[in-house]
N, C-alpha and C. Protein backbone atom coordinates (compact mmCIF):
# COMPACT_ATOMS: atom_id res chain seq x y z
N UNK A 1 -55.55 19.32 -6.55
CA UNK A 1 -54.15 19.71 -6.75
C UNK A 1 -54.06 21.06 -7.45
N UNK A 2 -54.92 21.27 -8.47
CA UNK A 2 -54.93 22.53 -9.19
C UNK A 2 -55.33 23.67 -8.27
N UNK A 3 -56.30 23.38 -7.38
CA UNK A 3 -56.76 24.40 -6.44
C UNK A 3 -55.64 24.78 -5.48
N UNK A 4 -54.87 23.78 -4.99
CA UNK A 4 -53.77 24.05 -4.09
C UNK A 4 -52.69 24.87 -4.77
N UNK A 5 -52.38 24.53 -6.04
CA UNK A 5 -51.37 25.28 -6.79
C UNK A 5 -51.78 26.73 -6.95
N UNK A 6 -53.05 26.95 -7.27
CA UNK A 6 -53.54 28.32 -7.43
C UNK A 6 -53.51 29.08 -6.11
N UNK A 7 -53.88 28.37 -5.02
CA UNK A 7 -53.87 29.00 -3.70
C UNK A 7 -52.46 29.44 -3.33
N UNK A 8 -51.47 28.58 -3.61
CA UNK A 8 -50.09 28.94 -3.30
C UNK A 8 -49.61 30.10 -4.15
N UNK A 9 -50.00 30.11 -5.41
CA UNK A 9 -49.60 31.20 -6.31
C UNK A 9 -50.21 32.52 -5.89
N UNK A 10 -51.46 32.48 -5.45
CA UNK A 10 -52.15 33.71 -5.06
C UNK A 10 -51.62 34.28 -3.75
N UNK A 11 -50.97 33.43 -2.95
CA UNK A 11 -50.52 33.88 -1.63
C UNK A 11 -49.01 33.76 -1.46
N UNK A 12 -48.28 33.74 -2.57
CA UNK A 12 -46.84 33.52 -2.47
C UNK A 12 -46.12 34.63 -1.72
N UNK A 13 -46.63 35.87 -1.82
CA UNK A 13 -46.01 36.97 -1.07
C UNK A 13 -46.15 36.77 0.43
N UNK A 14 -47.35 36.41 0.85
CA UNK A 14 -47.60 36.19 2.28
C UNK A 14 -46.80 34.99 2.78
N UNK A 15 -46.78 33.91 1.98
CA UNK A 15 -46.06 32.71 2.39
C UNK A 15 -44.56 32.97 2.48
N UNK A 16 -44.04 33.76 1.55
CA UNK A 16 -42.62 34.10 1.60
C UNK A 16 -42.30 34.92 2.85
N UNK A 17 -43.19 35.87 3.16
CA UNK A 17 -43.01 36.67 4.38
C UNK A 17 -43.01 35.80 5.62
N UNK A 18 -43.95 34.86 5.71
CA UNK A 18 -44.05 33.99 6.88
C UNK A 18 -42.81 33.11 7.00
N UNK A 19 -42.32 32.59 5.87
CA UNK A 19 -41.13 31.75 5.90
C UNK A 19 -39.92 32.55 6.38
N UNK A 20 -39.79 33.78 5.86
CA UNK A 20 -38.66 34.63 6.29
C UNK A 20 -38.77 34.96 7.78
N UNK A 21 -39.99 35.21 8.26
CA UNK A 21 -40.17 35.53 9.68
C UNK A 21 -39.78 34.35 10.56
N UNK A 22 -40.20 33.14 10.17
CA UNK A 22 -39.86 31.96 10.96
C UNK A 22 -38.36 31.70 10.93
N UNK A 23 -37.72 31.93 9.79
CA UNK A 23 -36.28 31.75 9.69
C UNK A 23 -35.56 32.77 10.57
N UNK A 24 -36.07 34.01 10.59
CA UNK A 24 -35.47 35.04 11.43
C UNK A 24 -35.59 34.67 12.90
N UNK A 25 -36.77 34.20 13.31
CA UNK A 25 -36.96 33.82 14.71
C UNK A 25 -36.13 32.61 15.08
N UNK A 26 -35.91 31.72 14.14
CA UNK A 26 -35.14 30.52 14.42
C UNK A 26 -33.65 30.81 14.54
N UNK A 27 -33.13 31.74 13.73
CA UNK A 27 -31.68 31.90 13.63
C UNK A 27 -31.14 33.22 14.15
N UNK A 28 -31.98 34.26 14.28
CA UNK A 28 -31.46 35.59 14.61
C UNK A 28 -31.99 36.11 15.94
N UNK A 29 -33.27 36.24 16.08
CA UNK A 29 -33.85 36.77 17.32
C UNK A 29 -35.24 36.21 17.52
N UNK A 30 -35.61 36.02 18.77
CA UNK A 30 -36.91 35.45 19.10
C UNK A 30 -37.35 36.00 20.44
N UNK A 31 -38.54 35.64 20.86
CA UNK A 31 -38.97 35.97 22.21
C UNK A 31 -39.56 34.72 22.84
N UNK A 32 -39.39 34.60 24.17
CA UNK A 32 -39.86 33.44 24.90
C UNK A 32 -40.69 33.89 26.09
N UNK A 33 -41.76 33.14 26.35
CA UNK A 33 -42.57 33.34 27.55
C UNK A 33 -41.91 32.59 28.70
N UNK A 34 -41.81 33.22 29.86
CA UNK A 34 -41.23 32.57 31.04
C UNK A 34 -42.37 32.16 31.98
N UNK A 35 -42.63 30.84 32.11
CA UNK A 35 -43.79 30.39 32.89
C UNK A 35 -43.49 30.10 34.34
N UNK A 36 -42.21 30.12 34.76
CA UNK A 36 -41.86 29.76 36.13
C UNK A 36 -41.07 30.89 36.79
N UNK A 37 -40.89 30.74 38.11
CA UNK A 37 -40.17 31.76 38.87
C UNK A 37 -38.72 31.41 39.15
N UNK A 38 -38.11 30.52 38.37
CA UNK A 38 -36.75 30.05 38.69
C UNK A 38 -35.70 31.13 38.51
N UNK A 39 -36.02 32.22 37.78
CA UNK A 39 -35.05 33.30 37.59
C UNK A 39 -35.46 34.57 38.32
N UNK A 40 -36.42 34.48 39.24
CA UNK A 40 -36.76 35.65 40.05
C UNK A 40 -35.58 36.04 40.94
N UNK A 41 -35.36 37.33 41.17
CA UNK A 41 -36.20 38.47 40.75
C UNK A 41 -35.83 39.05 39.40
N UNK A 42 -34.82 38.49 38.72
CA UNK A 42 -34.38 39.06 37.45
C UNK A 42 -35.46 38.95 36.39
N UNK A 43 -36.05 37.76 36.27
CA UNK A 43 -37.13 37.51 35.32
C UNK A 43 -38.34 37.02 36.12
N UNK A 44 -39.48 37.67 35.92
CA UNK A 44 -40.67 37.32 36.69
C UNK A 44 -41.58 36.42 35.86
N UNK A 45 -42.45 35.70 36.55
CA UNK A 45 -43.43 34.85 35.86
C UNK A 45 -44.30 35.73 34.97
N UNK A 46 -44.42 35.35 33.70
CA UNK A 46 -45.22 36.12 32.76
C UNK A 46 -44.43 37.08 31.90
N UNK A 47 -43.13 37.22 32.17
CA UNK A 47 -42.29 38.05 31.30
C UNK A 47 -42.13 37.39 29.94
N UNK A 48 -42.10 38.21 28.90
CA UNK A 48 -41.75 37.77 27.55
C UNK A 48 -40.37 38.35 27.27
N UNK A 49 -39.37 37.49 27.12
CA UNK A 49 -37.99 37.97 27.02
C UNK A 49 -37.49 37.90 25.58
N UNK A 50 -36.67 38.88 25.22
CA UNK A 50 -36.04 38.91 23.91
C UNK A 50 -34.79 38.04 23.96
N UNK A 51 -34.63 37.17 22.96
CA UNK A 51 -33.49 36.26 22.90
C UNK A 51 -32.67 36.56 21.65
N UNK A 52 -31.41 36.91 21.86
CA UNK A 52 -30.48 37.13 20.75
C UNK A 52 -29.91 35.78 20.34
N UNK A 53 -30.44 35.20 19.27
CA UNK A 53 -30.01 33.88 18.85
C UNK A 53 -28.72 33.91 18.05
N UNK A 54 -28.24 35.08 17.69
CA UNK A 54 -26.97 35.21 16.98
C UNK A 54 -25.84 35.64 17.92
N UNK A 55 -26.10 35.64 19.22
CA UNK A 55 -25.08 36.11 20.17
C UNK A 55 -23.85 35.22 20.16
N UNK A 56 -24.05 33.92 20.02
CA UNK A 56 -22.93 32.98 20.11
C UNK A 56 -22.63 32.26 18.78
N UNK A 57 -23.66 32.01 18.01
CA UNK A 57 -23.49 31.31 16.74
C UNK A 57 -24.50 31.83 15.72
N UNK A 58 -24.12 31.77 14.46
CA UNK A 58 -25.09 31.87 13.38
C UNK A 58 -25.42 30.45 12.97
N UNK A 59 -26.66 30.06 13.18
CA UNK A 59 -27.05 28.67 12.98
C UNK A 59 -27.89 28.51 11.71
N UNK A 60 -27.86 27.30 11.17
CA UNK A 60 -28.76 26.94 10.09
C UNK A 60 -30.18 26.99 10.64
N UNK A 61 -31.07 27.78 10.01
CA UNK A 61 -32.43 27.91 10.54
C UNK A 61 -33.10 26.56 10.79
N UNK A 62 -33.82 26.49 11.90
CA UNK A 62 -34.59 25.33 12.32
C UNK A 62 -33.72 24.15 12.77
N UNK A 63 -32.43 24.40 13.00
CA UNK A 63 -31.53 23.35 13.48
C UNK A 63 -30.61 23.94 14.55
N UNK A 64 -29.79 23.07 15.15
CA UNK A 64 -28.74 23.50 16.07
C UNK A 64 -27.37 23.52 15.40
N UNK A 65 -27.36 23.40 14.09
CA UNK A 65 -26.10 23.36 13.34
C UNK A 65 -25.50 24.76 13.26
N UNK A 66 -24.28 24.92 13.80
CA UNK A 66 -23.61 26.22 13.79
C UNK A 66 -22.88 26.42 12.47
N UNK A 67 -23.22 27.52 11.79
CA UNK A 67 -22.54 27.87 10.54
C UNK A 67 -21.34 28.77 10.81
N UNK A 68 -21.49 29.70 11.77
CA UNK A 68 -20.42 30.62 12.13
C UNK A 68 -20.38 30.74 13.65
N UNK A 69 -19.23 30.42 14.23
CA UNK A 69 -19.05 30.58 15.67
C UNK A 69 -18.66 32.02 15.95
N UNK A 70 -19.44 32.72 16.77
CA UNK A 70 -19.20 34.13 17.04
C UNK A 70 -18.57 34.36 18.41
N UNK A 71 -19.02 33.63 19.41
CA UNK A 71 -18.53 33.83 20.77
C UNK A 71 -18.99 32.66 21.62
N UNK A 72 -18.50 32.59 22.85
CA UNK A 72 -18.96 31.60 23.80
C UNK A 72 -19.64 32.31 24.97
N UNK A 73 -20.58 31.64 25.61
CA UNK A 73 -21.23 32.23 26.78
C UNK A 73 -20.20 32.60 27.85
N UNK A 74 -20.45 33.72 28.51
CA UNK A 74 -19.57 34.20 29.57
C UNK A 74 -20.27 34.09 30.91
N UNK A 75 -19.46 34.01 31.95
CA UNK A 75 -20.02 33.96 33.30
C UNK A 75 -20.90 35.18 33.53
N UNK A 76 -22.13 34.93 33.98
CA UNK A 76 -23.09 36.01 34.21
C UNK A 76 -24.13 36.15 33.13
N UNK A 77 -23.90 35.58 31.94
CA UNK A 77 -24.89 35.65 30.86
C UNK A 77 -26.16 34.89 31.25
N UNK A 78 -27.30 35.41 30.82
CA UNK A 78 -28.56 34.66 30.93
C UNK A 78 -28.78 33.99 29.58
N UNK A 79 -28.81 32.66 29.58
CA UNK A 79 -28.87 31.92 28.32
C UNK A 79 -30.17 31.13 28.21
N UNK A 80 -30.55 30.88 26.96
CA UNK A 80 -31.69 30.03 26.64
C UNK A 80 -31.13 28.77 26.00
N UNK A 81 -31.63 27.61 26.41
CA UNK A 81 -31.12 26.36 25.86
C UNK A 81 -32.24 25.35 25.71
N UNK A 82 -32.09 24.49 24.73
CA UNK A 82 -32.99 23.35 24.55
C UNK A 82 -32.31 22.15 25.20
N UNK A 83 -32.71 21.86 26.44
CA UNK A 83 -32.01 20.86 27.25
C UNK A 83 -32.57 19.46 27.02
N UNK A 84 -31.70 18.54 26.60
CA UNK A 84 -32.12 17.15 26.46
C UNK A 84 -32.31 16.51 27.83
N UNK A 85 -31.51 16.91 28.82
CA UNK A 85 -31.62 16.34 30.16
C UNK A 85 -32.95 16.73 30.82
N UNK A 86 -33.34 17.99 30.65
CA UNK A 86 -34.59 18.46 31.24
C UNK A 86 -35.79 18.14 30.36
N UNK A 87 -35.55 17.94 29.07
CA UNK A 87 -36.63 17.67 28.14
C UNK A 87 -37.46 18.88 27.80
N UNK A 88 -36.88 20.08 27.96
CA UNK A 88 -37.62 21.30 27.67
C UNK A 88 -36.65 22.46 27.50
N UNK A 89 -37.20 23.60 27.09
CA UNK A 89 -36.38 24.81 26.96
C UNK A 89 -36.22 25.44 28.34
N UNK A 90 -35.00 25.85 28.65
CA UNK A 90 -34.68 26.44 29.94
C UNK A 90 -34.10 27.83 29.75
N UNK A 91 -34.29 28.66 30.78
CA UNK A 91 -33.65 29.97 30.85
C UNK A 91 -32.90 30.02 32.18
N UNK A 92 -31.56 30.09 32.13
CA UNK A 92 -30.74 30.05 33.32
C UNK A 92 -29.56 31.00 33.18
N UNK A 93 -28.82 31.18 34.27
CA UNK A 93 -27.65 32.04 34.26
C UNK A 93 -26.37 31.20 34.25
N UNK A 94 -25.40 31.63 33.45
CA UNK A 94 -24.10 30.96 33.41
C UNK A 94 -23.33 31.31 34.69
N UNK A 95 -23.02 30.29 35.47
CA UNK A 95 -22.24 30.47 36.69
C UNK A 95 -20.83 29.94 36.51
N UNK A 96 -20.68 28.83 35.79
CA UNK A 96 -19.37 28.24 35.57
C UNK A 96 -19.12 27.98 34.09
N UNK A 97 -17.97 28.44 33.61
CA UNK A 97 -17.55 28.17 32.24
C UNK A 97 -16.50 27.06 32.27
N UNK A 98 -16.15 26.48 31.11
CA UNK A 98 -15.19 25.36 31.12
C UNK A 98 -13.92 25.67 31.90
N UNK A 99 -13.56 24.75 32.80
CA UNK A 99 -12.37 24.90 33.63
C UNK A 99 -12.62 25.50 35.00
N UNK A 100 -13.77 26.13 35.22
CA UNK A 100 -14.08 26.72 36.52
C UNK A 100 -14.35 25.64 37.56
N UNK A 101 -13.97 25.94 38.80
CA UNK A 101 -14.39 25.12 39.94
C UNK A 101 -15.48 25.89 40.69
N UNK A 102 -16.64 25.25 40.87
CA UNK A 102 -17.81 25.91 41.44
C UNK A 102 -18.27 25.17 42.69
N UNK A 103 -18.64 25.93 43.72
CA UNK A 103 -19.23 25.34 44.92
C UNK A 103 -20.27 26.29 45.49
N UNK A 104 -21.30 25.72 46.10
CA UNK A 104 -22.25 26.47 46.92
C UNK A 104 -22.13 25.95 48.35
N UNK A 105 -21.92 26.84 49.29
CA UNK A 105 -21.88 26.48 50.70
C UNK A 105 -22.91 27.33 51.42
N UNK A 106 -23.98 26.68 51.85
CA UNK A 106 -25.11 27.38 52.46
C UNK A 106 -25.57 28.55 51.57
N UNK A 107 -25.70 28.21 50.28
CA UNK A 107 -26.19 29.13 49.26
C UNK A 107 -25.23 30.27 48.93
N UNK A 108 -24.03 30.24 49.45
CA UNK A 108 -23.03 31.24 49.10
C UNK A 108 -22.10 30.65 48.05
N UNK A 109 -21.90 31.38 46.99
CA UNK A 109 -21.20 30.89 45.81
C UNK A 109 -19.69 31.08 45.93
N UNK A 110 -18.95 30.07 45.48
CA UNK A 110 -17.49 30.13 45.37
C UNK A 110 -17.10 29.77 43.94
N UNK A 111 -16.34 30.64 43.29
CA UNK A 111 -15.86 30.40 41.94
C UNK A 111 -14.34 30.38 41.97
N UNK A 112 -13.77 29.24 41.63
CA UNK A 112 -12.31 29.05 41.65
C UNK A 112 -11.72 29.44 43.01
N UNK A 113 -12.44 29.03 44.06
CA UNK A 113 -11.97 29.27 45.42
C UNK A 113 -12.25 30.64 45.97
N UNK A 114 -12.79 31.54 45.14
CA UNK A 114 -13.06 32.91 45.59
C UNK A 114 -14.53 33.04 45.97
N UNK A 115 -14.78 33.53 47.19
CA UNK A 115 -16.15 33.68 47.66
C UNK A 115 -16.81 34.90 47.03
N UNK A 116 -18.05 34.75 46.66
CA UNK A 116 -18.82 35.88 46.16
C UNK A 116 -19.11 36.87 47.28
N UNK A 117 -19.22 38.13 46.91
CA UNK A 117 -19.66 39.16 47.86
C UNK A 117 -21.17 39.33 47.73
N UNK A 118 -21.83 39.62 48.85
CA UNK A 118 -23.27 39.77 48.86
C UNK A 118 -23.67 41.09 49.52
N UNK A 119 -24.57 41.80 48.86
CA UNK A 119 -25.11 43.06 49.39
C UNK A 119 -26.63 42.94 49.45
N UNK A 120 -27.23 42.93 50.64
CA UNK A 120 -28.68 42.78 50.73
C UNK A 120 -29.42 43.91 50.02
N UNK A 121 -30.54 43.57 49.39
CA UNK A 121 -31.38 44.57 48.71
C UNK A 121 -32.83 44.29 49.06
N UNK A 122 -33.67 45.29 48.82
CA UNK A 122 -35.11 45.15 49.00
C UNK A 122 -35.76 44.95 47.63
N UNK A 123 -36.62 43.96 47.52
CA UNK A 123 -37.36 43.69 46.29
C UNK A 123 -38.83 43.59 46.65
N UNK A 124 -39.68 44.25 45.87
CA UNK A 124 -41.13 44.20 46.10
C UNK A 124 -41.82 43.70 44.84
N UNK A 125 -43.05 43.25 45.02
CA UNK A 125 -43.87 42.87 43.89
C UNK A 125 -43.70 41.44 43.42
N UNK A 126 -42.94 40.61 44.14
CA UNK A 126 -42.77 39.21 43.76
C UNK A 126 -43.90 38.41 44.40
N UNK A 127 -44.75 37.82 43.54
CA UNK A 127 -45.93 37.13 44.03
C UNK A 127 -45.58 35.99 44.97
N UNK A 128 -44.50 35.24 44.68
CA UNK A 128 -44.14 34.07 45.49
C UNK A 128 -43.83 34.44 46.94
N UNK A 129 -43.47 35.71 47.19
CA UNK A 129 -43.11 36.12 48.56
C UNK A 129 -44.30 36.05 49.52
N UNK A 130 -45.51 36.03 48.98
CA UNK A 130 -46.69 35.99 49.86
C UNK A 130 -46.76 34.68 50.63
N UNK A 131 -46.45 33.58 49.96
CA UNK A 131 -46.49 32.28 50.62
C UNK A 131 -45.11 31.76 50.97
N UNK A 132 -44.09 32.34 50.39
CA UNK A 132 -42.72 31.86 50.61
C UNK A 132 -41.81 33.09 50.78
N UNK A 133 -41.79 33.68 51.97
CA UNK A 133 -40.95 34.86 52.20
C UNK A 133 -39.49 34.60 51.85
N UNK A 134 -38.81 35.63 51.39
CA UNK A 134 -37.45 35.43 50.89
C UNK A 134 -36.56 36.62 51.22
N UNK A 135 -35.27 36.38 51.14
CA UNK A 135 -34.26 37.43 51.22
C UNK A 135 -33.67 37.63 49.82
N UNK A 136 -33.22 38.86 49.56
CA UNK A 136 -32.64 39.18 48.26
C UNK A 136 -31.28 39.85 48.48
N UNK A 137 -30.38 39.59 47.52
CA UNK A 137 -29.05 40.20 47.60
C UNK A 137 -28.47 40.33 46.20
N UNK A 138 -27.51 41.23 46.06
CA UNK A 138 -26.69 41.30 44.86
C UNK A 138 -25.48 40.40 45.06
N UNK A 139 -25.34 39.43 44.18
CA UNK A 139 -24.22 38.49 44.22
C UNK A 139 -23.13 38.97 43.27
N UNK A 140 -21.92 39.15 43.76
CA UNK A 140 -20.83 39.72 42.96
C UNK A 140 -19.62 38.80 43.02
N UNK A 141 -19.21 38.32 41.84
CA UNK A 141 -17.98 37.51 41.73
C UNK A 141 -17.13 38.12 40.62
N UNK A 142 -16.01 38.69 41.01
CA UNK A 142 -15.09 39.23 40.00
C UNK A 142 -15.69 40.32 39.14
N UNK A 143 -16.58 41.12 39.70
CA UNK A 143 -17.19 42.20 38.95
C UNK A 143 -18.45 41.82 38.19
N UNK A 144 -18.76 40.54 38.15
CA UNK A 144 -20.03 40.10 37.56
C UNK A 144 -21.07 40.04 38.66
N UNK A 145 -22.13 40.83 38.54
CA UNK A 145 -23.09 40.90 39.64
C UNK A 145 -24.53 40.86 39.13
N UNK A 146 -25.40 40.30 39.97
CA UNK A 146 -26.81 40.19 39.65
C UNK A 146 -27.55 39.85 40.95
N UNK A 147 -28.87 39.99 40.90
CA UNK A 147 -29.70 39.73 42.08
C UNK A 147 -29.98 38.24 42.21
N UNK A 148 -30.06 37.79 43.46
CA UNK A 148 -30.46 36.41 43.75
C UNK A 148 -31.54 36.42 44.83
N UNK A 149 -32.30 35.33 44.86
CA UNK A 149 -33.38 35.18 45.83
C UNK A 149 -33.12 33.93 46.67
N UNK A 150 -33.25 34.06 48.00
CA UNK A 150 -33.11 32.93 48.91
C UNK A 150 -34.40 32.77 49.70
N UNK A 151 -35.00 31.60 49.64
CA UNK A 151 -36.20 31.32 50.40
C UNK A 151 -35.86 31.18 51.89
N UNK A 152 -36.68 31.76 52.74
CA UNK A 152 -36.46 31.65 54.18
C UNK A 152 -36.85 30.28 54.71
N UNK A 153 -37.69 29.54 53.95
CA UNK A 153 -38.19 28.25 54.43
C UNK A 153 -37.42 27.07 53.85
N UNK A 154 -36.66 27.29 52.79
CA UNK A 154 -36.04 26.16 52.09
C UNK A 154 -34.92 25.53 52.90
N UNK A 155 -34.77 24.23 52.70
CA UNK A 155 -33.69 23.48 53.34
C UNK A 155 -33.14 22.48 52.31
N UNK A 156 -32.06 21.81 52.68
CA UNK A 156 -31.62 20.66 51.91
C UNK A 156 -30.54 20.94 50.90
N UNK A 157 -30.48 20.04 49.88
CA UNK A 157 -29.33 19.94 49.00
C UNK A 157 -29.18 21.12 48.05
N UNK A 158 -30.21 21.93 47.88
CA UNK A 158 -30.03 23.06 46.97
C UNK A 158 -29.05 24.09 47.54
N UNK A 159 -28.84 24.08 48.84
CA UNK A 159 -27.99 25.09 49.46
C UNK A 159 -26.52 24.71 49.51
N UNK A 160 -26.21 23.45 49.34
CA UNK A 160 -24.82 22.99 49.34
C UNK A 160 -24.60 22.14 48.09
N UNK A 161 -23.56 22.49 47.34
CA UNK A 161 -23.33 21.83 46.06
C UNK A 161 -21.84 21.92 45.73
N UNK A 162 -21.28 20.80 45.25
CA UNK A 162 -19.88 20.80 44.83
C UNK A 162 -18.92 20.66 46.01
N UNK A 163 -17.65 21.00 45.75
CA UNK A 163 -17.13 21.64 44.54
C UNK A 163 -17.07 20.70 43.34
N UNK A 164 -17.32 21.26 42.15
CA UNK A 164 -17.22 20.52 40.90
C UNK A 164 -16.42 21.36 39.92
N UNK A 165 -15.76 20.70 38.98
CA UNK A 165 -15.02 21.39 37.93
C UNK A 165 -15.75 21.23 36.61
N UNK A 166 -15.99 22.32 35.93
CA UNK A 166 -16.76 22.31 34.69
C UNK A 166 -15.90 21.74 33.56
N UNK A 167 -16.38 20.68 32.88
CA UNK A 167 -15.59 20.08 31.80
C UNK A 167 -15.56 20.97 30.55
N UNK A 168 -14.68 20.61 29.63
CA UNK A 168 -14.61 21.31 28.35
C UNK A 168 -15.94 21.17 27.61
N UNK A 169 -16.34 22.26 26.94
CA UNK A 169 -17.55 22.30 26.11
C UNK A 169 -18.83 22.13 26.93
N UNK A 170 -18.74 22.35 28.25
CA UNK A 170 -19.91 22.24 29.13
C UNK A 170 -20.01 23.53 29.95
N UNK A 171 -21.22 23.76 30.50
CA UNK A 171 -21.45 24.95 31.31
C UNK A 171 -22.27 24.58 32.55
N UNK A 172 -21.98 25.28 33.64
CA UNK A 172 -22.77 25.12 34.85
C UNK A 172 -23.73 26.29 34.94
N UNK A 173 -25.02 25.98 34.97
CA UNK A 173 -26.07 26.99 34.96
C UNK A 173 -26.91 26.88 36.23
N UNK A 174 -27.25 28.03 36.80
CA UNK A 174 -28.13 28.09 37.97
C UNK A 174 -29.23 29.12 37.71
N UNK A 175 -30.34 28.96 38.43
CA UNK A 175 -31.36 29.99 38.44
C UNK A 175 -31.05 31.02 39.51
N UNK A 176 -31.48 32.26 39.30
CA UNK A 176 -31.27 33.31 40.31
C UNK A 176 -32.12 33.05 41.55
N UNK A 177 -33.24 32.35 41.39
CA UNK A 177 -34.08 31.96 42.52
C UNK A 177 -33.50 30.65 43.06
N UNK A 178 -32.46 30.76 43.88
CA UNK A 178 -31.59 29.63 44.18
C UNK A 178 -32.28 28.44 44.84
N UNK A 179 -33.34 28.67 45.60
CA UNK A 179 -34.01 27.57 46.27
C UNK A 179 -35.22 27.05 45.49
N UNK A 180 -35.42 27.55 44.28
CA UNK A 180 -36.57 27.11 43.47
C UNK A 180 -36.19 27.09 42.00
N UNK A 181 -35.17 26.30 41.68
CA UNK A 181 -34.71 26.24 40.30
C UNK A 181 -34.14 24.86 39.99
N UNK A 182 -34.66 24.22 38.95
CA UNK A 182 -34.11 22.96 38.46
C UNK A 182 -33.01 23.30 37.46
N UNK A 183 -31.77 23.09 37.84
CA UNK A 183 -30.64 23.56 37.04
C UNK A 183 -29.50 22.55 37.11
N UNK A 184 -28.26 23.01 37.08
CA UNK A 184 -27.13 22.07 37.08
C UNK A 184 -27.03 21.24 38.34
N UNK A 185 -27.67 21.66 39.43
CA UNK A 185 -27.67 20.86 40.64
C UNK A 185 -28.49 19.59 40.47
N UNK A 186 -29.42 19.60 39.50
CA UNK A 186 -30.27 18.46 39.22
C UNK A 186 -29.87 17.74 37.94
N UNK A 187 -29.55 18.50 36.90
CA UNK A 187 -29.32 17.92 35.56
C UNK A 187 -27.85 17.82 35.19
N UNK A 188 -26.96 18.32 36.02
CA UNK A 188 -25.54 18.28 35.69
C UNK A 188 -25.15 19.41 34.75
N UNK A 189 -24.01 19.26 34.12
CA UNK A 189 -23.51 20.29 33.21
C UNK A 189 -24.32 20.27 31.91
N UNK A 190 -24.41 21.45 31.29
CA UNK A 190 -25.16 21.56 30.04
C UNK A 190 -24.20 21.74 28.87
N UNK A 191 -24.37 20.98 27.79
CA UNK A 191 -23.47 21.09 26.65
C UNK A 191 -23.58 22.45 25.96
N UNK A 192 -22.45 22.92 25.48
CA UNK A 192 -22.42 24.18 24.72
C UNK A 192 -23.37 24.14 23.52
N UNK A 193 -23.48 22.98 22.88
CA UNK A 193 -24.29 22.85 21.67
C UNK A 193 -25.78 23.06 21.93
N UNK A 194 -26.23 22.92 23.20
CA UNK A 194 -27.65 23.10 23.50
C UNK A 194 -28.02 24.55 23.77
N UNK A 195 -27.03 25.40 23.96
CA UNK A 195 -27.31 26.82 24.24
C UNK A 195 -27.60 27.53 22.92
N UNK A 196 -28.80 28.09 22.80
CA UNK A 196 -29.25 28.64 21.52
C UNK A 196 -29.26 30.16 21.48
N UNK A 197 -29.07 30.83 22.60
CA UNK A 197 -29.09 32.29 22.56
C UNK A 197 -28.92 32.91 23.93
N UNK A 198 -28.85 34.25 23.93
CA UNK A 198 -28.69 35.01 25.17
C UNK A 198 -29.89 35.93 25.36
N UNK A 199 -30.49 35.87 26.53
CA UNK A 199 -31.63 36.75 26.85
C UNK A 199 -31.11 38.15 27.15
N UNK A 200 -31.70 39.17 26.53
CA UNK A 200 -31.18 40.52 26.64
C UNK A 200 -32.08 41.50 27.37
N UNK A 201 -33.39 41.35 27.21
CA UNK A 201 -34.30 42.28 27.88
C UNK A 201 -35.72 41.71 27.93
N UNK A 202 -36.58 42.36 28.69
CA UNK A 202 -38.00 41.99 28.75
C UNK A 202 -38.72 42.74 27.65
N UNK A 203 -39.34 42.02 26.74
CA UNK A 203 -40.10 42.67 25.67
C UNK A 203 -41.41 43.23 26.23
N UNK A 204 -42.12 42.40 26.97
CA UNK A 204 -43.36 42.81 27.61
C UNK A 204 -43.62 41.86 28.76
N UNK A 205 -44.53 42.23 29.64
CA UNK A 205 -44.80 41.41 30.81
C UNK A 205 -46.28 41.45 31.14
N UNK A 206 -46.87 40.28 31.31
CA UNK A 206 -48.28 40.15 31.68
C UNK A 206 -48.36 39.40 32.99
N UNK A 207 -49.19 39.88 33.90
CA UNK A 207 -49.27 39.32 35.25
C UNK A 207 -50.32 38.22 35.32
N UNK A 208 -49.92 36.94 35.38
CA UNK A 208 -50.91 35.84 35.42
C UNK A 208 -51.74 35.84 36.69
N UNK A 209 -51.27 36.51 37.74
CA UNK A 209 -52.03 36.57 39.00
C UNK A 209 -53.04 37.71 39.00
N UNK A 210 -53.03 38.53 37.96
CA UNK A 210 -53.94 39.67 37.90
C UNK A 210 -54.59 39.76 36.51
N UNK A 211 -55.21 38.64 36.10
CA UNK A 211 -55.95 38.57 34.85
C UNK A 211 -55.08 38.90 33.63
N UNK A 212 -53.78 38.62 33.74
CA UNK A 212 -52.83 38.86 32.65
C UNK A 212 -52.80 40.32 32.20
N UNK A 213 -53.02 41.21 33.15
CA UNK A 213 -52.89 42.62 32.84
C UNK A 213 -51.41 42.98 32.70
N UNK A 214 -51.09 43.98 31.88
CA UNK A 214 -49.68 44.34 31.66
C UNK A 214 -49.01 44.89 32.92
N UNK A 215 -47.75 44.53 33.09
CA UNK A 215 -46.90 45.16 34.09
C UNK A 215 -46.05 46.22 33.35
N UNK A 216 -46.54 47.42 33.33
CA UNK A 216 -45.89 48.46 32.53
C UNK A 216 -44.47 48.77 32.94
N UNK A 217 -44.14 48.58 34.21
CA UNK A 217 -42.80 48.94 34.69
C UNK A 217 -41.73 47.96 34.22
N UNK A 218 -42.13 46.81 33.63
CA UNK A 218 -41.14 45.83 33.20
C UNK A 218 -40.92 45.85 31.69
N UNK A 219 -41.75 46.53 30.95
CA UNK A 219 -41.63 46.51 29.50
C UNK A 219 -40.32 47.18 29.07
N UNK A 220 -39.53 46.45 28.30
CA UNK A 220 -38.28 46.99 27.79
C UNK A 220 -37.13 46.96 28.78
N UNK A 221 -37.36 46.39 29.96
CA UNK A 221 -36.31 46.37 30.99
C UNK A 221 -35.15 45.49 30.56
N UNK A 222 -33.92 46.01 30.71
CA UNK A 222 -32.74 45.24 30.37
C UNK A 222 -32.51 44.14 31.39
N UNK A 223 -32.02 42.99 30.94
CA UNK A 223 -31.69 41.87 31.83
C UNK A 223 -30.22 41.87 32.10
N UNK A 224 -29.86 41.76 33.38
CA UNK A 224 -28.43 41.78 33.76
C UNK A 224 -28.19 40.87 34.94
């Protein structure tokens, strides 16, 4: 016991620093590794993304308890959440906010009865395209726009969904990789209380298909 007390006393500066760092990561800002392609092409496998944990709430460190409500997620935001339905942390895009009516018809999005506009784009460097060729487009609803990926081989229920109305205090979230994302089409609406932050940019990116070498062109890239 005496040895432990002395060890703590000798290292109190370091321990205080570590505690403050963990509190900062828990309540203010953090970074997350993205292990799947559900948000391609916006977020690639191996990206390390910066998460603004104070974007919506100031929370009690190490908890989901909100001390100060700052804002609510908006349509188009990329959010990070600790999902009880999925049993893991997810990174998805907000498609429907409370009160919205959302539908997918053959992978084309409708928000409150208004069809999204689509502009085809060319995307290169996506590893999944080698075995699963895809089309890419900019999806635009009411001025909110971002890239989406559609698999040429995919079929089934991921392409048709709804219409559903988003309940109060809930959000409808989808992945940008529409045919390869476990999201609200599988888990239903996500509670506001589970959303812990907003992803803002790529901090760094390592390519798991190339010996985890850095992808220099993605470092610092803003997420939109």
